[in-house]
Amino acid sequence: MTTATAPAPGERTHGGLGNAAGDALTMIGRSVRLSRRNVDTLLMSIVLPLLMMVLFVYVFGGAIDTGTAYINYVVPGIILLCTGYGASSTAMSVAADMNSGMIDRLRSLPIRSSAVLTGHVTASVARNALSTTIVVLAAVAMGFRPTASLGDWALVAGLVLLYVLALSWLAAGLGVIAKSVESASVLGFVMLFLPYLSSAFVPTDTMPSLLQGISEHQPITPVIETVRGLLTGTPIGDRGWVALAWTVGILVVAFAGSTWLYRRRNRA
């Protein structure tokens, strides 16, 4: 006759996909509740892109020649900038968990370690979907007139969500290695800065040669150009495949790196 024993504190159970999904849903629910309580961060991820759009459209837009209405040119860049603000808050949330003792408490529970990061990333995607929708609606109210078909909108949504997922896993990794919430915000600044060195606000051929080379060979420019082409009907060429390759590559590396760093730090 055998007797069942409970798992020891900190022991991870491996009961299959059901347990994995349950762990992930638990941590997703926790992260979503934290997002609802942290209203100021959510508002800033919406308000800052809106302020940037107002600034560029109404202050700088009249002096920038893009060959089309400037708001139609700049909105795709603002959408990508919006996702950067959302992802930077993910890095700070992960850093807060890593340095507040929360992870130490989770070690005493039979829960998969990967569920913690999954919760933060899923909440980040949800926050970004909300803020991006609000930014697009505000852009339409300001005069943005996309010519995209329903299929084009579906492709835009798919690419942006994939980009958000990749950026969120990258932010999670930055949060794991950050020694404090403040240092996580500094690391997240890189994600906020890159859109300014892209075709988000001005055509790349107007930049000095050095900056033009950086802008044309970094991941955000092909994503922006693909979104812009789908929304406004401008030619995309092979940028769509380049954008997809960059985004999938970042996602794979960020996911693998974040989970490895998380396990490594928890063993320390």
C-alpha atoms as a PDB file:
ATOM      1  CA  MET A   1       0.000   0.000   0.000  1.00  0.00           C
ATOM      2  CA  THR A   2       1.388   3.375  -0.975  1.00  0.00           C
ATOM      3  CA  THR A   3       0.688   6.793   0.456  1.00  0.00           C
ATOM      4  CA  ALA A   4       0.664  10.094  -1.433  1.00  0.00           C
ATOM      5  CA  THR A   5       2.940  12.812  -0.192  1.00  0.00           C
ATOM      6  CA  ALA A   6       2.592  16.539  -0.764  1.00  0.00           C
ATOM      7  CA  PRO A   7       5.332  18.321  -2.664  1.00  0.00           C
ATOM      8  CA  ALA A   8       7.993  19.891  -0.529  1.00  0.00           C
ATOM      9  CA  PRO A   9       8.145  23.687  -0.310  1.00  0.00           C
ATOM     10  CA  GLY A  10       9.639  25.108  -3.471  1.00  0.00           C
ATOM     11  CA  GLU A  11       9.210  21.864  -5.414  1.00  0.00           C
ATOM     12  CA  ARG A  12       7.769  22.344  -8.925  1.00  0.00           C
ATOM     13  CA  THR A  13       5.056  19.972 -10.053  1.00  0.00           C
ATOM     14  CA  HIS A  14       4.984  18.805 -13.655  1.00  0.00           C
ATOM     15  CA  GLY A  15       1.446  17.660 -14.198  1.00  0.00           C
ATOM     16  CA  GLY A  16       1.294  18.529 -17.867  1.00  0.00           C
ATOM     17  CA  LEU A  17      -0.269  21.317 -19.847  1.00  0.00           C
ATOM     18  CA  GLY A  18      -3.208  21.688 -17.480  1.00  0.00           C
ATOM     19  CA  ASN A  19      -1.005  22.691 -14.544  1.00  0.00           C
ATOM     20  CA  ALA A  20       1.133  24.913 -16.764  1.00  0.00           C
ATOM     21  CA  ALA A  21      -1.946  26.729 -18.056  1.00  0.00           C
ATOM     22  CA  GLY A  22      -3.312  27.071 -14.525  1.00  0.00           C
ATOM     23  CA  ASP A  23      -0.047  28.581 -13.273  1.00  0.00           C
ATOM     24  CA  ALA A  24       0.066  30.992 -16.213  1.00  0.00           C
ATOM     25  CA  LEU A  25      -3.562  32.075 -15.754  1.00  0.00           C
ATOM     26  CA  THR A  26      -2.965  32.713 -12.062  1.00  0.00           C
ATOM     27  CA  MET A  27      -0.010  34.982 -12.743  1.00  0.00           C
ATOM     28  CA  ILE A  28      -1.760  36.669 -15.680  1.00  0.00           C
ATOM     29  CA  GLY A  29      -4.680  37.491 -13.398  1.00  0.00           C
ATOM     30  CA  ARG A  30      -2.300  38.919 -10.808  1.00  0.00           C
ATOM     31  CA  SER A  31      -0.495  41.086 -13.384  1.00  0.00           C
ATOM     32  CA  VAL A  32      -3.765  42.393 -14.831  1.00  0.00           C
ATOM     33  CA  ARG A  33      -4.974  43.336 -11.337  1.00  0.00           C
ATOM     34  CA  LEU A  34      -1.703  45.150 -10.691  1.00  0.00           C
ATOM     35  CA  SER A  35      -2.125  47.038 -13.979  1.00  0.00           C
ATOM     36  CA  ARG A  36      -5.623  48.127 -12.960  1.00  0.00           C
ATOM     37  CA  ARG A  37      -4.308  49.433  -9.651  1.00  0.00           C
ATOM     38  CA  ASN A  38      -1.336  51.207 -11.254  1.00  0.00           C
ATOM     39  CA  VAL A  39      -3.530  53.680 -13.120  1.00  0.00           C
ATOM     40  CA  ASP A  40      -0.865  56.370 -13.480  1.00  0.00           C
ATOM     41  CA  THR A  41       1.439  54.058 -15.461  1.00  0.00           C
ATOM     42  CA  LEU A  42      -1.411  53.016 -17.747  1.00  0.00           C
ATOM     43  CA  LEU A  43      -2.424  56.625 -18.308  1.00  0.00           C
ATOM     44  CA  MET A  44       1.154  57.672 -19.086  1.00  0.00           C
ATOM     45  CA  SER A  45       1.464  54.921 -21.715  1.00  0.00           C
ATOM     46  CA  ILE A  46      -1.563  56.504 -23.418  1.00  0.00           C
ATOM     47  CA  VAL A  47      -1.067  60.207 -22.702  1.00  0.00           C
ATOM     48  CA  LEU A  48       2.600  60.456 -23.711  1.00  0.00           C
ATOM     49  CA  PRO A  49       2.102  59.045 -27.250  1.00  0.00           C
ATOM     50  CA  LEU A  50      -0.940  61.299 -27.661  1.00  0.00           C
ATOM     51  CA  LEU A  51       1.093  64.332 -26.616  1.00  0.00           C
ATOM     52  CA  MET A  52       3.858  63.338 -29.020  1.00  0.00           C
ATOM     53  CA  MET A  53       1.335  63.028 -31.852  1.00  0.00           C
ATOM     54  CA  VAL A  54      -0.150  66.455 -31.073  1.00  0.00           C
ATOM     55  CA  LEU A  55       3.337  67.963 -30.914  1.00  0.00           C
ATOM     56  CA  PHE A  56       4.522  66.555 -34.229  1.00  0.00           C
ATOM     57  CA  VAL A  57       1.256  67.067 -36.121  1.00  0.00           C
ATOM     58  CA  TYR A  58       0.408  70.574 -34.977  1.00  0.00           C
ATOM     59  CA  VAL A  59       3.838  72.050 -34.127  1.00  0.00           C
ATOM     60  CA  PHE A  60       6.386  70.374 -36.428  1.00  0.00           C
ATOM     61  CA  GLY A  61       4.155  68.855 -39.103  1.00  0.00           C
ATOM     62  CA  GLY A  62       3.787  72.027 -41.153  1.00  0.00           C
ATOM     63  CA  ALA A  63       7.565  72.238 -41.604  1.00  0.00           C
ATOM     64  CA  ILE A  64       8.101  68.577 -42.571  1.00  0.00           C
ATOM     65  CA  ASP A  65       7.518  67.529 -46.171  1.00  0.00           C
ATOM     66  CA  THR A  66       6.726  63.838 -46.561  1.00  0.00           C
ATOM     67  CA  GLY A  67       4.787  64.042 -49.824  1.00  0.00           C
ATOM     68  CA  THR A  68       1.493  63.383 -48.039  1.00  0.00           C
ATOM     69  CA  ALA A  69      -0.558  64.693 -45.129  1.00  0.00           C
ATOM     70  CA  TYR A  70       1.869  64.545 -42.235  1.00  0.00           C
ATOM     71  CA  ILE A  71      -0.603  62.914 -39.851  1.00  0.00           C
ATOM     72  CA  ASN A  72      -0.957  59.987 -42.265  1.00  0.00           C
ATOM     73  CA  TYR A  73       2.817  59.658 -42.249  1.00  0.00           C
ATOM     74  CA  VAL A  74       3.423  59.963 -38.507  1.00  0.00           C
ATOM     75  CA  VAL A  75       0.640  57.778 -37.016  1.00  0.00           C
ATOM     76  CA  PRO A  76       2.412  54.427 -37.695  1.00  0.00           C
ATOM     77  CA  GLY A  77       5.468  55.757 -35.870  1.00  0.00           C
ATOM     78  CA  ILE A  78       3.342  56.902 -32.934  1.00  0.00           C
ATOM     79  CA  ILE A  79       1.788  53.420 -32.735  1.00  0.00           C
ATOM     80  CA  LEU A  80       5.250  51.860 -32.401  1.00  0.00           C
ATOM     81  CA  LEU A  81       6.279  54.556 -29.919  1.00  0.00           C
ATOM     82  CA  CYS A  82       3.187  53.705 -27.888  1.00  0.00           C
ATOM     83  CA  THR A  83       4.254  50.058 -27.630  1.00  0.00           C
ATOM     84  CA  GLY A  84       7.668  51.166 -26.390  1.00  0.00           C
ATOM     85  CA  TYR A  85       6.139  53.119 -23.513  1.00  0.00           C
ATOM     86  CA  GLY A  86       4.008  50.112 -22.593  1.00  0.00           C
ATOM     87  CA  ALA A  87       6.950  47.717 -22.684  1.00  0.00           C
ATOM     88  CA  SER A  88       9.114  49.945 -20.487  1.00  0.00           C
ATOM     89  CA  SER A  89       6.513  49.675 -17.713  1.00  0.00           C
ATOM     90  CA  THR A  90       6.772  45.884 -18.046  1.00  0.00           C
ATOM     91  CA  ALA A  91      10.504  46.054 -17.313  1.00  0.00           C
ATOM     92  CA  MET A  92       9.789  48.055 -14.161  1.00  0.00           C
ATOM     93  CA  SER A  93       7.045  45.654 -13.014  1.00  0.00           C
ATOM     94  CA  VAL A  94       9.331  42.640 -13.418  1.00  0.00           C
ATOM     95  CA  ALA A  95      12.159  44.451 -11.629  1.00  0.00           C
ATOM     96  CA  ALA A  96       9.805  45.271  -8.750  1.00  0.00           C
ATOM     97  CA  ASP A  97       8.950  41.568  -8.358  1.00  0.00           C
ATOM     98  CA  MET A  98      12.571  40.485  -8.612  1.00  0.00           C
ATOM     99  CA  ASN A  99      13.792  42.916  -5.959  1.00  0.00           C
ATOM    100  CA  SER A 100      10.862  43.077  -3.513  1.00  0.00           C
ATOM    101  CA  GLY A 101      10.958  39.484  -2.229  1.00  0.00           C
ATOM    102  CA  MET A 102       7.945  38.410  -4.293  1.00  0.00           C
ATOM    103  CA  ILE A 103       9.954  35.794  -6.177  1.00  0.00           C
ATOM    104  CA  ASP A 104      11.351  34.393  -2.926  1.00  0.00           C
ATOM    105  CA  ARG A 105       7.799  33.840  -1.680  1.00  0.00           C
ATOM    106  CA  LEU A 106       6.856  32.087  -4.926  1.00  0.00           C
ATOM    107  CA  ARG A 107       9.724  29.625  -4.454  1.00  0.00           C
ATOM    108  CA  SER A 108       7.789  28.051  -1.585  1.00  0.00           C
ATOM    109  CA  LEU A 109       4.847  27.303  -3.887  1.00  0.00           C
ATOM    110  CA  PRO A 110       4.476  24.531  -6.494  1.00  0.00           C
ATOM    111  CA  ILE A 111       4.251  26.968  -9.396  1.00  0.00           C
ATOM    112  CA  ARG A 112       6.270  27.081 -12.590  1.00  0.00           C
ATOM    113  CA  SER A 113       8.796  29.890 -12.638  1.00  0.00           C
ATOM    114  CA  SER A 114       8.028  30.710 -16.277  1.00  0.00           C
ATOM    115  CA  ALA A 115       4.452  31.644 -15.279  1.00  0.00           C
ATOM    116  CA  VAL A 116       5.698  34.810 -13.549  1.00  0.00           C
ATOM    117  CA  LEU A 117       7.152  36.270 -16.725  1.00  0.00           C
ATOM    118  CA  THR A 118       4.234  34.976 -18.789  1.00  0.00           C
ATOM    119  CA  GLY A 119       1.862  36.911 -16.538  1.00  0.00           C
ATOM    120  CA  HIS A 120       3.765  40.171 -16.940  1.00  0.00           C
ATOM    121  CA  VAL A 121       4.111  39.765 -20.707  1.00  0.00           C
ATOM    122  CA  THR A 122       0.431  38.926 -21.245  1.00  0.00           C
ATOM    123  CA  ALA A 123      -0.642  41.920 -19.169  1.00  0.00           C
ATOM    124  CA  SER A 124       1.748  44.067 -21.219  1.00  0.00           C
ATOM    125  CA  VAL A 125       0.174  42.901 -24.476  1.00  0.00           C
ATOM    126  CA  ALA A 126      -3.305  43.677 -23.109  1.00  0.00           C
ATOM    127  CA  ARG A 127      -2.251  47.156 -21.948  1.00  0.00           C
ATOM    128  CA  ASN A 128      -0.620  47.896 -25.293  1.00  0.00           C
ATOM    129  CA  ALA A 129      -3.670  46.724 -27.230  1.00  0.00           C
ATOM    130  CA  LEU A 130      -5.836  49.133 -25.239  1.00  0.00           C
ATOM    131  CA  SER A 131      -3.474  52.103 -25.526  1.00  0.00           C
ATOM    132  CA  THR A 132      -2.857  51.519 -29.257  1.00  0.00           C
ATOM    133  CA  THR A 133      -6.595  51.409 -29.937  1.00  0.00           C
ATOM    134  CA  ILE A 134      -7.076  54.708 -28.104  1.00  0.00           C
ATOM    135  CA  VAL A 135      -4.178  56.321 -30.002  1.00  0.00           C
ATOM    136  CA  VAL A 136      -5.594  55.216 -33.385  1.00  0.00           C
ATOM    137  CA  LEU A 137      -9.069  56.526 -32.503  1.00  0.00           C
ATOM    138  CA  ALA A 138      -7.549  59.852 -31.409  1.00  0.00           C
ATOM    139  CA  ALA A 139      -5.571  60.014 -34.663  1.00  0.00           C
ATOM    140  CA  VAL A 140      -8.762  59.527 -36.688  1.00  0.00           C
ATOM    141  CA  ALA A 141     -10.361  62.362 -34.727  1.00  0.00           C
ATOM    142  CA  MET A 142      -7.345  64.552 -35.591  1.00  0.00           C
ATOM    143  CA  GLY A 143      -7.624  63.832 -39.314  1.00  0.00           C
ATOM    144  CA  PHE A 144      -5.886  60.507 -39.905  1.00  0.00           C
ATOM    145  CA  ARG A 145      -7.496  58.916 -42.958  1.00  0.00           C
ATOM    146  CA  PRO A 146      -6.230  55.360 -43.623  1.00  0.00           C
ATOM    147  CA  THR A 147      -7.149  53.631 -46.869  1.00  0.00           C
ATOM    148  CA  ALA A 148      -6.602  50.108 -45.530  1.00  0.00           C
ATOM    149  CA  SER A 149      -9.011  47.294 -46.310  1.00  0.00           C
ATOM    150  CA  LEU A 150     -10.274  44.911 -43.628  1.00  0.00           C
ATOM    151  CA  GLY A 151      -7.552  42.448 -44.602  1.00  0.00           C
ATOM    152  CA  ASP A 152      -4.886  45.166 -44.332  1.00  0.00           C
ATOM    153  CA  TRP A 153      -6.125  46.099 -40.862  1.00  0.00           C
ATOM    154  CA  ALA A 154      -5.911  42.438 -39.842  1.00  0.00           C
ATOM    155  CA  LEU A 155      -2.303  42.281 -41.071  1.00  0.00           C
ATOM    156  CA  VAL A 156      -1.463  45.486 -39.213  1.00  0.00           C
ATOM    157  CA  ALA A 157      -3.024  44.151 -36.009  1.00  0.00           C
ATOM    158  CA  GLY A 158      -1.144  40.867 -36.342  1.00  0.00           C
ATOM    159  CA  LEU A 159       2.222  42.528 -36.960  1.00  0.00           C
ATOM    160  CA  VAL A 160       1.795  45.076 -34.173  1.00  0.00           C
ATOM    161  CA  LEU A 161       0.716  42.408 -31.675  1.00  0.00           C
ATOM    162  CA  LEU A 162       3.696  40.244 -32.641  1.00  0.00           C
ATOM    163  CA  TYR A 163       5.979  43.261 -32.242  1.00  0.00           C
ATOM    164  CA  VAL A 164       4.425  44.061 -28.848  1.00  0.00           C
ATOM    165  CA  LEU A 165       4.925  40.446 -27.748  1.00  0.00           C
ATOM    166  CA  ALA A 166       8.583  40.529 -28.790  1.00  0.00           C
ATOM    167  CA  LEU A 167       9.173  43.882 -27.100  1.00  0.00           C
ATOM    168  CA  SER A 168       7.406  42.742 -23.932  1.00  0.00           C
ATOM    169  CA  TRP A 169       9.607  39.643 -23.606  1.00  0.00           C
ATOM    170  CA  LEU A 170      12.660  41.845 -24.204  1.00  0.00           C
ATOM    171  CA  ALA A 171      11.441  44.214 -21.488  1.00  0.00           C
ATOM    172  CA  ALA A 172      10.863  41.262 -19.144  1.00  0.00           C
ATOM    173  CA  GLY A 173      14.477  40.219 -19.640  1.00  0.00           C
ATOM    174  CA  LEU A 174      15.671  43.741 -18.850  1.00  0.00           C
ATOM    175  CA  GLY A 175      13.542  43.682 -15.711  1.00  0.00           C
ATOM    176  CA  VAL A 176      15.129  40.392 -14.603  1.00  0.00           C
ATOM    177  CA  ILE A 177      18.682  41.739 -14.782  1.00  0.00           C
ATOM    178  CA  ALA A 178      17.858  45.173 -13.339  1.00  0.00           C
ATOM    179  CA  LYS A 179      18.957  45.676  -9.729  1.00  0.00           C
ATOM    180  CA  SER A 180      16.129  48.132  -9.005  1.00  0.00           C
ATOM    181  CA  VAL A 181      13.000  49.613 -10.545  1.00  0.00           C
ATOM    182  CA  GLU A 182      14.936  52.783 -11.309  1.00  0.00           C
ATOM    183  CA  SER A 183      17.640  50.939 -13.239  1.00  0.00           C
ATOM    184  CA  ALA A 184      14.927  49.069 -15.152  1.00  0.00           C
ATOM    185  CA  SER A 185      13.487  52.396 -16.286  1.00  0.00           C
ATOM    186  CA  VAL A 186      16.932  53.430 -17.550  1.00  0.00           C
ATOM    187  CA  LEU A 187      17.338  50.169 -19.482  1.00  0.00           C
ATOM    188  CA  GLY A 188      13.857  50.634 -20.945  1.00  0.00           C
ATOM    189  CA  PHE A 189      14.918  54.032 -22.285  1.00  0.00           C
ATOM    190  CA  VAL A 190      16.655  52.243 -25.173  1.00  0.00           C
ATOM    191  CA  MET A 191      13.307  50.926 -26.406  1.00  0.00           C
ATOM    192  CA  LEU A 192      11.852  54.433 -26.214  1.00  0.00           C
ATOM    193  CA  PHE A 193      14.799  56.011 -28.031  1.00  0.00           C
ATOM    194  CA  LEU A 194      15.082  53.708 -31.059  1.00  0.00           C
ATOM    195  CA  PRO A 195      11.904  54.976 -32.816  1.00  0.00           C
ATOM    196  CA  TYR A 196      13.504  58.427 -33.034  1.00  0.00           C
ATOM    197  CA  LEU A 197      16.328  56.874 -35.096  1.00  0.00           C
ATOM    198  CA  SER A 198      13.889  55.404 -37.602  1.00  0.00           C
ATOM    199  CA  SER A 199      11.475  56.604 -40.265  1.00  0.00           C
ATOM    200  CA  ALA A 200       8.824  57.238 -37.601  1.00  0.00           C
ATOM    201  CA  PHE A 201       8.828  61.022 -37.864  1.00  0.00           C
ATOM    202  CA  VAL A 202      10.847  61.954 -40.971  1.00  0.00           C
ATOM    203  CA  PRO A 203      11.923  60.070 -44.125  1.00  0.00           C
ATOM    204  CA  THR A 204      15.311  58.444 -43.680  1.00  0.00           C
ATOM    205  CA  ASP A 205      16.733  60.090 -46.826  1.00  0.00           C
ATOM    206  CA  THR A 206      16.567  63.475 -45.061  1.00  0.00           C
ATOM    207  CA  MET A 207      19.015  62.326 -42.367  1.00  0.00           C
ATOM    208  CA  PRO A 208      22.817  62.652 -42.387  1.00  0.00           C
ATOM    209  CA  SER A 209      24.489  59.640 -43.978  1.00  0.00           C
ATOM    210  CA  LEU A 210      25.577  58.071 -40.667  1.00  0.00           C
ATOM    211  CA  LEU A 211      22.131  58.314 -39.087  1.00  0.00           C
ATOM    212  CA  GLN A 212      20.529  57.209 -42.352  1.00  0.00           C
ATOM    213  CA  GLY A 213      22.533  53.990 -42.280  1.00  0.00           C
ATOM    214  CA  ILE A 214      21.525  53.332 -38.654  1.00  0.00           C
ATOM    215  CA  SER A 215      17.879  54.109 -39.371  1.00  0.00           C
ATOM    216  CA  GLU A 216      17.638  51.844 -42.398  1.00  0.00           C
ATOM    217  CA  HIS A 217      19.319  48.871 -40.703  1.00  0.00           C
ATOM    218  CA  GLN A 218      17.514  48.694 -37.391  1.00  0.00           C
ATOM    219  CA  PRO A 219      14.358  46.636 -36.688  1.00  0.00           C
ATOM    220  CA  ILE A 220      11.829  49.412 -36.107  1.00  0.00           C
ATOM    221  CA  THR A 221      12.071  51.062 -39.540  1.00  0.00           C
ATOM    222  CA  PRO A 222      10.825  48.047 -41.574  1.00  0.00           C
ATOM    223  CA  VAL A 223       7.998  47.500 -39.074  1.00  0.00           C
ATOM    224  CA  ILE A 224       6.934  51.141 -39.354  1.00  0.00           C
ATOM    225  CA  GLU A 225       7.206  51.133 -43.137  1.00  0.00           C
ATOM    226  CA  THR A 226       5.111  47.963 -43.332  1.00  0.00           C
ATOM    227  CA  VAL A 227       2.406  49.368 -41.052  1.00  0.00           C
ATOM    228  CA  ARG A 228       2.462  52.664 -42.956  1.00  0.00           C
ATOM    229  CA  GLY A 229       2.188  50.920 -46.301  1.00  0.00           C
ATOM    230  CA  LEU A 230      -0.723  48.747 -45.183  1.00  0.00           C
ATOM    231  CA  LEU A 231      -2.629  51.666 -43.663  1.00  0.00           C
ATOM    232  CA  THR A 232      -2.037  54.265 -46.366  1.00  0.00           C
ATOM    233  CA  GLY A 233      -1.538  52.189 -49.502  1.00  0.00           C
ATOM    234  CA  THR A 234       2.114  53.112 -50.099  1.00  0.00           C
ATOM    235  CA  PRO A 235       4.459  50.461 -51.566  1.00  0.00           C
ATOM    236  CA  ILE A 236       5.944  48.006 -49.088  1.00  0.00           C
ATOM    237  CA  GLY A 237       8.288  45.977 -51.280  1.00  0.00           C
ATOM    238  CA  ASP A 238      10.172  43.371 -49.278  1.00  0.00           C
ATOM    239  CA  ARG A 239       9.937  45.357 -46.028  1.00  0.00           C
ATOM    240  CA  GLY A 240       7.058  43.207 -44.838  1.00  0.00           C
ATOM    241  CA  TRP A 241       9.213  40.075 -44.822  1.00  0.00           C
ATOM    242  CA  VAL A 242      12.117  41.995 -43.274  1.00  0.00           C
ATOM    243  CA  ALA A 243       9.810  43.308 -40.531  1.00  0.00           C
ATOM    244  CA  LEU A 244       8.482  39.811 -39.867  1.00  0.00           C
ATOM    245  CA  ALA A 245      11.989  38.340 -39.733  1.00  0.00           C
ATOM    246  CA  TRP A 246      13.196  41.027 -37.302  1.00  0.00           C
ATOM    247  CA  THR A 247      10.131  40.660 -35.073  1.00  0.00           C
ATOM    248  CA  VAL A 248      10.193  36.847 -34.918  1.00  0.00           C
ATOM    249  CA  GLY A 249      13.957  36.889 -34.344  1.00  0.00           C
ATOM    250  CA  ILE A 250      13.660  39.351 -31.446  1.00  0.00           C
ATOM    251  CA  LEU A 251      10.791  37.319 -29.963  1.00  0.00           C
ATOM    252  CA  VAL A 252      12.703  34.040 -30.049  1.00  0.00           C
ATOM    253  CA  VAL A 253      15.900  35.531 -28.597  1.00  0.00           C
ATOM    254  CA  ALA A 254      14.041  37.614 -25.984  1.00  0.00           C
ATOM    255  CA  PHE A 255      11.886  34.682 -24.821  1.00  0.00           C
ATOM    256  CA  ALA A 256      14.814  32.285 -24.558  1.00  0.00           C
ATOM    257  CA  GLY A 257      17.069  34.882 -22.940  1.00  0.00           C
ATOM    258  CA  SER A 258      14.475  36.115 -20.438  1.00  0.00           C
ATOM    259  CA  THR A 259      13.519  32.650 -19.213  1.00  0.00           C
ATOM    260  CA  TRP A 260      17.190  31.594 -18.956  1.00  0.00           C
ATOM    261  CA  LEU A 261      18.130  34.753 -17.026  1.00  0.00           C
ATOM    262  CA  TYR A 262      15.153  34.279 -14.709  1.00  0.00           C
ATOM    263  CA  ARG A 263      16.097  30.682 -13.874  1.00  0.00           C
ATOM    264  CA  ARG A 264      19.760  31.626 -13.478  1.00  0.00           C
ATOM    265  CA  ARG A 265      19.016  34.509 -11.096  1.00  0.00           C
ATOM    266  CA  ASN A 266      16.667  32.362  -9.036  1.00  0.00           C
ATOM    267  CA  ARG A 267      19.390  29.764  -8.593  1.00  0.00           C
ATOM    268  CA  ALA A 268      21.810  32.376  -7.346  1.00  0.00           C
END
